Amino acid sequence: MKNISLFTDNGTCLTKVHPFTKIAHIAAAVSIPLIVGRLWLFGCFIGVSLCLLAWGKVLKRTFPLIAFSFTILITIFLIHGLFNQNNANVLFRLGPLKFYREGLLYALRIGLNILNMLLSFAVLVLTTRPSELVDELEKRGFSPRFGYIISSVFQIIPQMMGTMNTIMDAQRSRGLETEGSLRTRAKAFLPLISPVVMSSLINTRERAIALEVRGFGAGIKKTWLKDRPRHKGDREATILCLLLILAAVVWRVGTWL
């Protein structure tokens, strides 16, 4: 069966950690640096996420995400380093361009926040089976429709990538040039995007029909094939993340008072 999720079942301990523990890690990694407002905290949680990804043996799969984020980060640094409204002190010059300290610090905060969120969410996405996450959410009382949305978010990127690769192979077999200069790639983009969009619409309709046939909207209480209990380490890690968030909130309130 074709795999349409980013989950990697490599049998590591991280794949056995309960999904809610990973969600608690995301909550702590994203909220604590924003609440406290210290740049070094972003670096700490980025390091924790990198260690978790290395422990789960999925660090290499995050390299494309990091590479893509760097293209965005470079744009952010250029815009704020040159044109931020609070720019006052010139940090360095690059030819006729003046980069300001205030704008670069603001861009650094945004960049670290983006990288922190990407890596913390990668811990969940790459090491959690989507069906297990959806089941656990529904067991806690969430609507099946909410679970379907979560499952679709997990599957949309690999599904689109698989569809694009299939269509590109079909077009190459018919003699369409898809590699070469930038002009050649641009000419091949228009014949590619239309089949991808149409295929996505068809898949959405077929999935809706399949869900309706299986009684997705039925109001009958569901039963579960298997149960996934939370281990002792899961509870301790979740409690630790929640305590860290609480400590950050208390510290922030203390500084305001």
C-alpha atoms as a PDB file:
ATOM      1  CA  MET A   1       0.000   0.000   0.000  1.00  0.00           C
ATOM      2  CA  LYS A   2       1.305   3.436  -0.923  1.00  0.00           C
ATOM      3  CA  ASN A   3       2.491   5.478   2.027  1.00  0.00           C
ATOM      4  CA  ILE A   4       0.988   8.971   2.050  1.00  0.00           C
ATOM      5  CA  SER A   5       2.322  10.263   5.344  1.00  0.00           C
ATOM      6  CA  LEU A   6       5.641  11.654   6.560  1.00  0.00           C
ATOM      7  CA  PHE A   7       5.767   9.146   9.430  1.00  0.00           C
ATOM      8  CA  THR A   8       8.864   6.936   9.483  1.00  0.00           C
ATOM      9  CA  ASP A   9       8.335   3.590  11.203  1.00  0.00           C
ATOM     10  CA  ASN A  10      11.935   2.777  12.125  1.00  0.00           C
ATOM     11  CA  GLY A  11      11.182   1.141  15.476  1.00  0.00           C
ATOM     12  CA  THR A  12      12.980   3.722  17.627  1.00  0.00           C
ATOM     13  CA  CYS A  13      11.874   4.622  21.139  1.00  0.00           C
ATOM     14  CA  LEU A  14      10.647   8.017  19.968  1.00  0.00           C
ATOM     15  CA  THR A  15       7.991   6.401  17.755  1.00  0.00           C
ATOM     16  CA  LYS A  16       6.653   4.647  20.875  1.00  0.00           C
ATOM     17  CA  VAL A  17       6.256   7.872  22.851  1.00  0.00           C
ATOM     18  CA  HIS A  18       2.614   8.870  23.273  1.00  0.00           C
ATOM     19  CA  PRO A  19       1.427  11.556  20.795  1.00  0.00           C
ATOM     20  CA  PHE A  20       0.206  13.808  23.607  1.00  0.00           C
ATOM     21  CA  THR A  21       3.712  13.875  25.095  1.00  0.00           C
ATOM     22  CA  LYS A  22       5.050  15.160  21.766  1.00  0.00           C
ATOM     23  CA  ILE A  23       2.257  17.747  21.637  1.00  0.00           C
ATOM     24  CA  ALA A  24       3.304  18.882  25.137  1.00  0.00           C
ATOM     25  CA  HIS A  25       6.869  19.262  23.813  1.00  0.00           C
ATOM     26  CA  ILE A  26       5.557  21.444  20.963  1.00  0.00           C
ATOM     27  CA  ALA A  27       3.581  23.585  23.409  1.00  0.00           C
ATOM     28  CA  ALA A  28       6.632  24.076  25.631  1.00  0.00           C
ATOM     29  CA  ALA A  29       9.073  24.683  22.767  1.00  0.00           C
ATOM     30  CA  VAL A  30       6.860  27.281  21.081  1.00  0.00           C
ATOM     31  CA  SER A  31       5.399  29.096  24.092  1.00  0.00           C
ATOM     32  CA  ILE A  32       8.246  29.325  26.614  1.00  0.00           C
ATOM     33  CA  PRO A  33      10.693  31.373  24.457  1.00  0.00           C
ATOM     34  CA  LEU A  34       7.845  33.693  23.432  1.00  0.00           C
ATOM     35  CA  ILE A  35       6.672  34.160  27.032  1.00  0.00           C
ATOM     36  CA  VAL A  36      10.132  34.716  28.508  1.00  0.00           C
ATOM     37  CA  GLY A  37      11.395  36.698  25.511  1.00  0.00           C
ATOM     38  CA  ARG A  38      15.020  35.522  25.604  1.00  0.00           C
ATOM     39  CA  LEU A  39      16.848  34.581  22.396  1.00  0.00           C
ATOM     40  CA  TRP A  40      18.947  31.912  24.095  1.00  0.00           C
ATOM     41  CA  LEU A  41      15.794  29.952  24.942  1.00  0.00           C
ATOM     42  CA  PHE A  42      15.030  29.586  21.243  1.00  0.00           C
ATOM     43  CA  GLY A  43      18.486  28.061  20.804  1.00  0.00           C
ATOM     44  CA  CYS A  44      17.939  25.708  23.753  1.00  0.00           C
ATOM     45  CA  PHE A  45      14.681  24.307  22.399  1.00  0.00           C
ATOM     46  CA  ILE A  46      16.100  24.081  18.874  1.00  0.00           C
ATOM     47  CA  GLY A  47      18.916  21.982  20.328  1.00  0.00           C
ATOM     48  CA  VAL A  48      16.419  19.791  22.235  1.00  0.00           C
ATOM     49  CA  SER A  49      14.380  19.195  19.073  1.00  0.00           C
ATOM     50  CA  LEU A  50      17.519  18.348  17.082  1.00  0.00           C
ATOM     51  CA  CYS A  51      18.550  15.850  19.769  1.00  0.00           C
ATOM     52  CA  LEU A  52      15.101  14.241  19.710  1.00  0.00           C
ATOM     53  CA  LEU A  53      15.169  14.005  15.906  1.00  0.00           C
ATOM     54  CA  ALA A  54      18.626  12.436  16.042  1.00  0.00           C
ATOM     55  CA  TRP A  55      17.419  10.008  18.738  1.00  0.00           C
ATOM     56  CA  GLY A  56      14.501   9.060  16.509  1.00  0.00           C
ATOM     57  CA  LYS A  57      16.853   8.634  13.501  1.00  0.00           C
ATOM     58  CA  VAL A  58      14.869  11.084  11.379  1.00  0.00           C
ATOM     59  CA  LEU A  59      17.256  14.043  11.464  1.00  0.00           C
ATOM     60  CA  LYS A  60      18.158  13.662   7.780  1.00  0.00           C
ATOM     61  CA  ARG A  61      14.511  13.995   6.801  1.00  0.00           C
ATOM     62  CA  THR A  62      14.401  17.479   8.332  1.00  0.00           C
ATOM     63  CA  PHE A  63      17.198  18.823   6.117  1.00  0.00           C
ATOM     64  CA  PRO A  64      14.813  19.767   3.242  1.00  0.00           C
ATOM     65  CA  LEU A  65      12.624  21.654   5.737  1.00  0.00           C
ATOM     66  CA  ILE A  66      15.637  23.497   7.124  1.00  0.00           C
ATOM     67  CA  ALA A  67      16.921  24.300   3.631  1.00  0.00           C
ATOM     68  CA  PHE A  68      13.512  25.647   2.601  1.00  0.00           C
ATOM     69  CA  SER A  69      13.250  27.737   5.772  1.00  0.00           C
ATOM     70  CA  PHE A  70      16.642  29.304   5.114  1.00  0.00           C
ATOM     71  CA  THR A  71      15.382  30.782   1.835  1.00  0.00           C
ATOM     72  CA  ILE A  72      12.623  32.490   3.835  1.00  0.00           C
ATOM     73  CA  LEU A  73      15.010  33.537   6.604  1.00  0.00           C
ATOM     74  CA  ILE A  74      17.431  35.182   4.181  1.00  0.00           C
ATOM     75  CA  THR A  75      14.550  37.252   2.793  1.00  0.00           C
ATOM     76  CA  ILE A  76      13.504  38.255   6.319  1.00  0.00           C
ATOM     77  CA  PHE A  77      17.053  39.304   7.221  1.00  0.00           C
ATOM     78  CA  LEU A  78      17.394  41.373   4.047  1.00  0.00           C
ATOM     79  CA  ILE A  79      14.074  43.169   4.507  1.00  0.00           C
ATOM     80  CA  HIS A  80      14.409  43.974   8.205  1.00  0.00           C
ATOM     81  CA  GLY A  81      18.153  44.537   8.139  1.00  0.00           C
ATOM     82  CA  LEU A  82      17.710  47.207   5.481  1.00  0.00           C
ATOM     83  CA  PHE A  83      14.208  48.646   5.865  1.00  0.00           C
ATOM     84  CA  ASN A  84      12.902  48.052   9.396  1.00  0.00           C
ATOM     85  CA  GLN A  85      11.186  51.166  10.755  1.00  0.00           C
ATOM     86  CA  ASN A  86      13.196  51.011  14.007  1.00  0.00           C
ATOM     87  CA  ASN A  87      16.607  50.927  12.297  1.00  0.00           C
ATOM     88  CA  ALA A  88      19.013  53.486  13.787  1.00  0.00           C
ATOM     89  CA  ASN A  89      22.501  52.008  14.314  1.00  0.00           C
ATOM     90  CA  VAL A  90      24.457  50.671  11.344  1.00  0.00           C
ATOM     91  CA  LEU A  91      26.007  47.293  12.159  1.00  0.00           C
ATOM     92  CA  PHE A  92      27.928  46.732   8.914  1.00  0.00           C
ATOM     93  CA  ARG A  93      27.974  47.741   5.259  1.00  0.00           C
ATOM     94  CA  LEU A  94      27.877  45.550   2.183  1.00  0.00           C
ATOM     95  CA  GLY A  95      28.759  47.812  -0.719  1.00  0.00           C
ATOM     96  CA  PRO A  96      26.085  50.511  -0.889  1.00  0.00           C
ATOM     97  CA  LEU A  97      23.791  48.559   1.464  1.00  0.00           C
ATOM     98  CA  LYS A  98      23.601  49.410   5.170  1.00  0.00           C
ATOM     99  CA  PHE A  99      22.504  46.685   7.594  1.00  0.00           C
ATOM    100  CA  TYR A 100      21.164  47.940  10.905  1.00  0.00           C
ATOM    101  CA  ARG A 101      21.480  46.342  14.315  1.00  0.00           C
ATOM    102  CA  GLU A 102      17.814  46.771  15.307  1.00  0.00           C
ATOM    103  CA  GLY A 103      16.464  45.190  12.150  1.00  0.00           C
ATOM    104  CA  LEU A 104      18.873  42.264  12.254  1.00  0.00           C
ATOM    105  CA  LEU A 105      18.005  41.515  15.891  1.00  0.00           C
ATOM    106  CA  TYR A 106      14.302  41.587  15.020  1.00  0.00           C
ATOM    107  CA  ALA A 107      14.935  39.285  12.041  1.00  0.00           C
ATOM    108  CA  LEU A 108      17.011  36.964  14.241  1.00  0.00           C
ATOM    109  CA  ARG A 109      14.113  36.618  16.680  1.00  0.00           C
ATOM    110  CA  ILE A 110      11.702  35.791  13.836  1.00  0.00           C
ATOM    111  CA  GLY A 111      14.143  33.355  12.247  1.00  0.00           C
ATOM    112  CA  LEU A 112      14.809  31.459  15.466  1.00  0.00           C
ATOM    113  CA  ASN A 113      11.069  31.292  16.144  1.00  0.00           C
ATOM    114  CA  ILE A 114      10.378  29.842  12.687  1.00  0.00           C
ATOM    115  CA  LEU A 115      13.172  27.286  12.965  1.00  0.00           C
ATOM    116  CA  ASN A 116      12.074  26.339  16.485  1.00  0.00           C
ATOM    117  CA  MET A 117       8.487  25.719  15.375  1.00  0.00           C
ATOM    118  CA  LEU A 118       9.558  23.722  12.313  1.00  0.00           C
ATOM    119  CA  LEU A 119      11.800  21.384  14.299  1.00  0.00           C
ATOM    120  CA  SER A 120       9.380  20.907  17.209  1.00  0.00           C
ATOM    121  CA  PHE A 121       6.522  20.034  14.841  1.00  0.00           C
ATOM    122  CA  ALA A 122       8.881  17.744  12.897  1.00  0.00           C
ATOM    123  CA  VAL A 123       9.335  15.677  16.068  1.00  0.00           C
ATOM    124  CA  LEU A 124       5.589  14.979  16.065  1.00  0.00           C
ATOM    125  CA  VAL A 125       5.011  14.622  12.326  1.00  0.00           C
ATOM    126  CA  LEU A 126       7.983  12.375  11.503  1.00  0.00           C
ATOM    127  CA  THR A 127       7.655  10.018  14.490  1.00  0.00           C
ATOM    128  CA  THR A 128       3.891   9.704  14.984  1.00  0.00           C
ATOM    129  CA  ARG A 129       1.508   7.564  12.957  1.00  0.00           C
ATOM    130  CA  PRO A 130      -1.366   9.874  11.886  1.00  0.00           C
ATOM    131  CA  SER A 131      -4.010   7.230  12.602  1.00  0.00           C
ATOM    132  CA  GLU A 132      -2.768   6.851  16.204  1.00  0.00           C
ATOM    133  CA  LEU A 133      -2.872  10.604  16.790  1.00  0.00           C
ATOM    134  CA  VAL A 134      -6.400  10.847  15.378  1.00  0.00           C
ATOM    135  CA  ASP A 135      -7.571   7.894  17.495  1.00  0.00           C
ATOM    136  CA  GLU A 136      -6.153   9.408  20.671  1.00  0.00           C
ATOM    137  CA  LEU A 137      -7.798  12.752  19.949  1.00  0.00           C
ATOM    138  CA  GLU A 138     -11.181  11.117  19.364  1.00  0.00           C
ATOM    139  CA  LYS A 139     -10.822   9.069  22.563  1.00  0.00           C
ATOM    140  CA  ARG A 140     -10.400  12.345  24.460  1.00  0.00           C
ATOM    141  CA  GLY A 141     -13.706  13.628  23.083  1.00  0.00           C
ATOM    142  CA  PHE A 142     -12.653  15.521  19.958  1.00  0.00           C
ATOM    143  CA  SER A 143     -14.998  15.442  16.975  1.00  0.00           C
ATOM    144  CA  PRO A 144     -14.245  12.895  14.219  1.00  0.00           C
ATOM    145  CA  ARG A 145     -14.328  15.811  11.790  1.00  0.00           C
ATOM    146  CA  PHE A 146     -11.480  17.445  13.717  1.00  0.00           C
ATOM    147  CA  GLY A 147      -9.565  14.173  13.548  1.00  0.00           C
ATOM    148  CA  TYR A 148     -10.152  14.022   9.798  1.00  0.00           C
ATOM    149  CA  ILE A 149      -8.750  17.541   9.396  1.00  0.00           C
ATOM    150  CA  ILE A 150      -5.621  16.588  11.351  1.00  0.00           C
ATOM    151  CA  SER A 151      -5.176  13.432   9.280  1.00  0.00           C
ATOM    152  CA  SER A 152      -5.573  15.409   6.051  1.00  0.00           C
ATOM    153  CA  VAL A 153      -2.934  17.936   7.149  1.00  0.00           C
ATOM    154  CA  PHE A 154      -0.489  15.085   7.800  1.00  0.00           C
ATOM    155  CA  GLN A 155      -1.156  13.548   4.385  1.00  0.00           C
ATOM    156  CA  ILE A 156      -1.533  16.502   2.052  1.00  0.00           C
ATOM    157  CA  ILE A 157       2.179  17.216   1.497  1.00  0.00           C
ATOM    158  CA  PRO A 158       3.349  13.643   0.713  1.00  0.00           C
ATOM    159  CA  GLN A 159       0.184  13.053  -1.323  1.00  0.00           C
ATOM    160  CA  MET A 160       0.800  16.141  -3.463  1.00  0.00           C
ATOM    161  CA  MET A 161       4.462  15.210  -3.882  1.00  0.00           C
ATOM    162  CA  GLY A 162       3.530  11.693  -4.988  1.00  0.00           C
ATOM    163  CA  THR A 163       0.964  13.031  -7.457  1.00  0.00           C
ATOM    164  CA  MET A 164       3.462  15.507  -8.916  1.00  0.00           C
ATOM    165  CA  ASN A 165       6.127  12.829  -9.354  1.00  0.00           C
ATOM    166  CA  THR A 166       3.634  10.514 -11.088  1.00  0.00           C
ATOM    167  CA  ILE A 167       2.460  13.261 -13.458  1.00  0.00           C
ATOM    168  CA  MET A 168       6.036  14.377 -14.205  1.00  0.00           C
ATOM    169  CA  ASP A 169       7.020  10.773 -15.071  1.00  0.00           C
ATOM    170  CA  ALA A 170       3.993  10.505 -17.358  1.00  0.00           C
ATOM    171  CA  GLN A 171       4.865  13.781 -19.086  1.00  0.00           C
ATOM    172  CA  ARG A 172       8.499  12.776 -19.531  1.00  0.00           C
ATOM    173  CA  SER A 173       7.393   9.523 -21.146  1.00  0.00           C
ATOM    174  CA  ARG A 174       5.420  11.635 -23.647  1.00  0.00           C
ATOM    175  CA  GLY A 175       8.482  13.722 -24.542  1.00  0.00           C
ATOM    176  CA  LEU A 176       7.952  16.819 -22.378  1.00  0.00           C
ATOM    177  CA  GLU A 177      11.200  18.461 -21.257  1.00  0.00           C
ATOM    178  CA  THR A 178      11.044  19.001 -17.473  1.00  0.00           C
ATOM    179  CA  GLU A 179      14.752  19.475 -16.727  1.00  0.00           C
ATOM    180  CA  GLY A 180      17.343  21.905 -17.976  1.00  0.00           C
ATOM    181  CA  SER A 181      17.431  25.692 -17.960  1.00  0.00           C
ATOM    182  CA  LEU A 182      15.123  27.911 -15.942  1.00  0.00           C
ATOM    183  CA  ARG A 183      13.106  28.698 -19.069  1.00  0.00           C
ATOM    184  CA  THR A 184      12.596  24.995 -19.772  1.00  0.00           C
ATOM    185  CA  ARG A 185      11.447  24.338 -16.228  1.00  0.00           C
ATOM    186  CA  ALA A 186       9.052  27.301 -16.361  1.00  0.00           C
ATOM    187  CA  LYS A 187       7.524  26.010 -19.611  1.00  0.00           C
ATOM    188  CA  ALA A 188       7.013  22.579 -18.007  1.00  0.00           C
ATOM    189  CA  PHE A 189       5.346  24.081 -14.908  1.00  0.00           C
ATOM    190  CA  LEU A 190       2.059  25.078 -16.570  1.00  0.00           C
ATOM    191  CA  PRO A 191       1.346  21.610 -18.041  1.00  0.00           C
ATOM    192  CA  LEU A 192       2.149  20.170 -14.597  1.00  0.00           C
ATOM    193  CA  ILE A 193       0.032  22.350 -12.314  1.00  0.00           C
ATOM    194  CA  SER A 194      -3.308  21.749 -14.059  1.00  0.00           C
ATOM    195  CA  PRO A 195      -3.279  17.912 -13.695  1.00  0.00           C
ATOM    196  CA  VAL A 196      -2.113  18.246 -10.075  1.00  0.00           C
ATOM    197  CA  VAL A 197      -5.034  20.536  -9.171  1.00  0.00           C
ATOM    198  CA  MET A 198      -7.571  18.371 -11.019  1.00  0.00           C
ATOM    199  CA  SER A 199      -6.189  15.218  -9.394  1.00  0.00           C
ATOM    200  CA  SER A 200      -6.463  16.818  -5.937  1.00  0.00           C
ATOM    201  CA  LEU A 201     -10.109  17.750  -6.569  1.00  0.00           C
ATOM    202  CA  ILE A 202     -10.910  14.226  -7.765  1.00  0.00           C
ATOM    203  CA  ASN A 203      -9.164  12.680  -4.743  1.00  0.00           C
ATOM    204  CA  THR A 204     -11.133  14.957  -2.407  1.00  0.00           C
ATOM    205  CA  ARG A 205     -14.433  13.897  -3.977  1.00  0.00           C
ATOM    206  CA  GLU A 206     -13.518  10.192  -3.861  1.00  0.00           C
ATOM    207  CA  ARG A 207     -12.457  10.478  -0.219  1.00  0.00           C
ATOM    208  CA  ALA A 208     -15.733  12.194   0.703  1.00  0.00           C
ATOM    209  CA  ILE A 209     -17.709   9.384  -0.954  1.00  0.00           C
ATOM    210  CA  ALA A 210     -15.608   6.726   0.789  1.00  0.00           C
ATOM    211  CA  LEU A 211     -16.134   8.376   4.184  1.00  0.00           C
ATOM    212  CA  GLU A 212     -19.881   8.613   3.621  1.00  0.00           C
ATOM    213  CA  VAL A 213     -20.082   4.918   2.655  1.00  0.00           C
ATOM    214  CA  ARG A 214     -18.242   3.993   5.873  1.00  0.00           C
ATOM    215  CA  GLY A 215     -20.688   5.958   8.037  1.00  0.00           C
ATOM    216  CA  PHE A 216     -18.371   8.828   8.927  1.00  0.00           C
ATOM    217  CA  GLY A 217     -21.256  11.081   9.959  1.00  0.00           C
ATOM    218  CA  ALA A 218     -23.083   8.445  11.995  1.00  0.00           C
ATOM    219  CA  GLY A 219     -23.842   9.415  15.585  1.00  0.00           C
ATOM    220  CA  ILE A 220     -23.077   5.962  16.981  1.00  0.00           C
ATOM    221  CA  LYS A 221     -20.321   5.671  19.586  1.00  0.00           C
ATOM    222  CA  LYS A 222     -17.146   4.199  18.100  1.00  0.00           C
ATOM    223  CA  THR A 223     -15.192   1.244  19.407  1.00  0.00           C
ATOM    224  CA  TRP A 224     -11.412   0.879  19.207  1.00  0.00           C
ATOM    225  CA  LEU A 225      -9.387  -2.030  17.911  1.00  0.00           C
ATOM    226  CA  LYS A 226      -6.516  -1.389  20.322  1.00  0.00           C
ATOM    227  CA  ASP A 227      -5.649   0.880  23.219  1.00  0.00           C
ATOM    228  CA  ARG A 228      -2.377   2.732  23.650  1.00  0.00           C
ATOM    229  CA  PRO A 229      -1.718   3.387  27.336  1.00  0.00           C
ATOM    230  CA  ARG A 230       0.593   6.152  28.444  1.00  0.00           C
ATOM    231  CA  HIS A 231       3.830   4.901  29.968  1.00  0.00           C
ATOM    232  CA  LYS A 232       5.467   6.277  33.083  1.00  0.00           C
ATOM    233  CA  GLY A 233       8.004   8.234  31.052  1.00  0.00           C
ATOM    234  CA  ASP A 234       5.216   9.811  29.007  1.00  0.00           C
ATOM    235  CA  ARG A 235       3.497  11.169  32.092  1.00  0.00           C
ATOM    236  CA  GLU A 236       6.725  12.533  33.564  1.00  0.00           C
ATOM    237  CA  ALA A 237       7.758  14.235  30.320  1.00  0.00           C
ATOM    238  CA  THR A 238       4.294  15.770  29.869  1.00  0.00           C
ATOM    239  CA  ILE A 239       4.226  17.037  33.457  1.00  0.00           C
ATOM    240  CA  LEU A 240       7.728  18.488  33.046  1.00  0.00           C
ATOM    241  CA  CYS A 241       6.682  20.409  29.906  1.00  0.00           C
ATOM    242  CA  LEU A 242       3.575  21.766  31.628  1.00  0.00           C
ATOM    243  CA  LEU A 243       5.568  22.800  34.692  1.00  0.00           C
ATOM    244  CA  LEU A 244       8.082  24.621  32.497  1.00  0.00           C
ATOM    245  CA  ILE A 245       5.267  26.509  30.766  1.00  0.00           C
ATOM    246  CA  LEU A 246       3.751  27.402  34.141  1.00  0.00           C
ATOM    247  CA  ALA A 247       7.134  28.566  35.451  1.00  0.00           C
ATOM    248  CA  ALA A 248       7.590  30.771  32.362  1.00  0.00           C
ATOM    249  CA  VAL A 249       4.144  32.335  32.893  1.00  0.00           C
ATOM    250  CA  VAL A 250       4.833  32.957  36.594  1.00  0.00           C
ATOM    251  CA  TRP A 251       8.213  34.516  35.783  1.00  0.00           C
ATOM    252  CA  ARG A 252       6.654  36.784  33.165  1.00  0.00           C
ATOM    253  CA  VAL A 253       3.878  37.900  35.502  1.00  0.00           C
ATOM    254  CA  GLY A 254       6.499  38.536  38.193  1.00  0.00           C
ATOM    255  CA  THR A 255       8.479  40.811  35.874  1.00  0.00           C
ATOM    256  CA  TRP A 256       5.328  42.798  35.034  1.00  0.00           C
ATOM    257  CA  LEU A 257       4.494  43.271  38.696  1.00  0.00           C
END
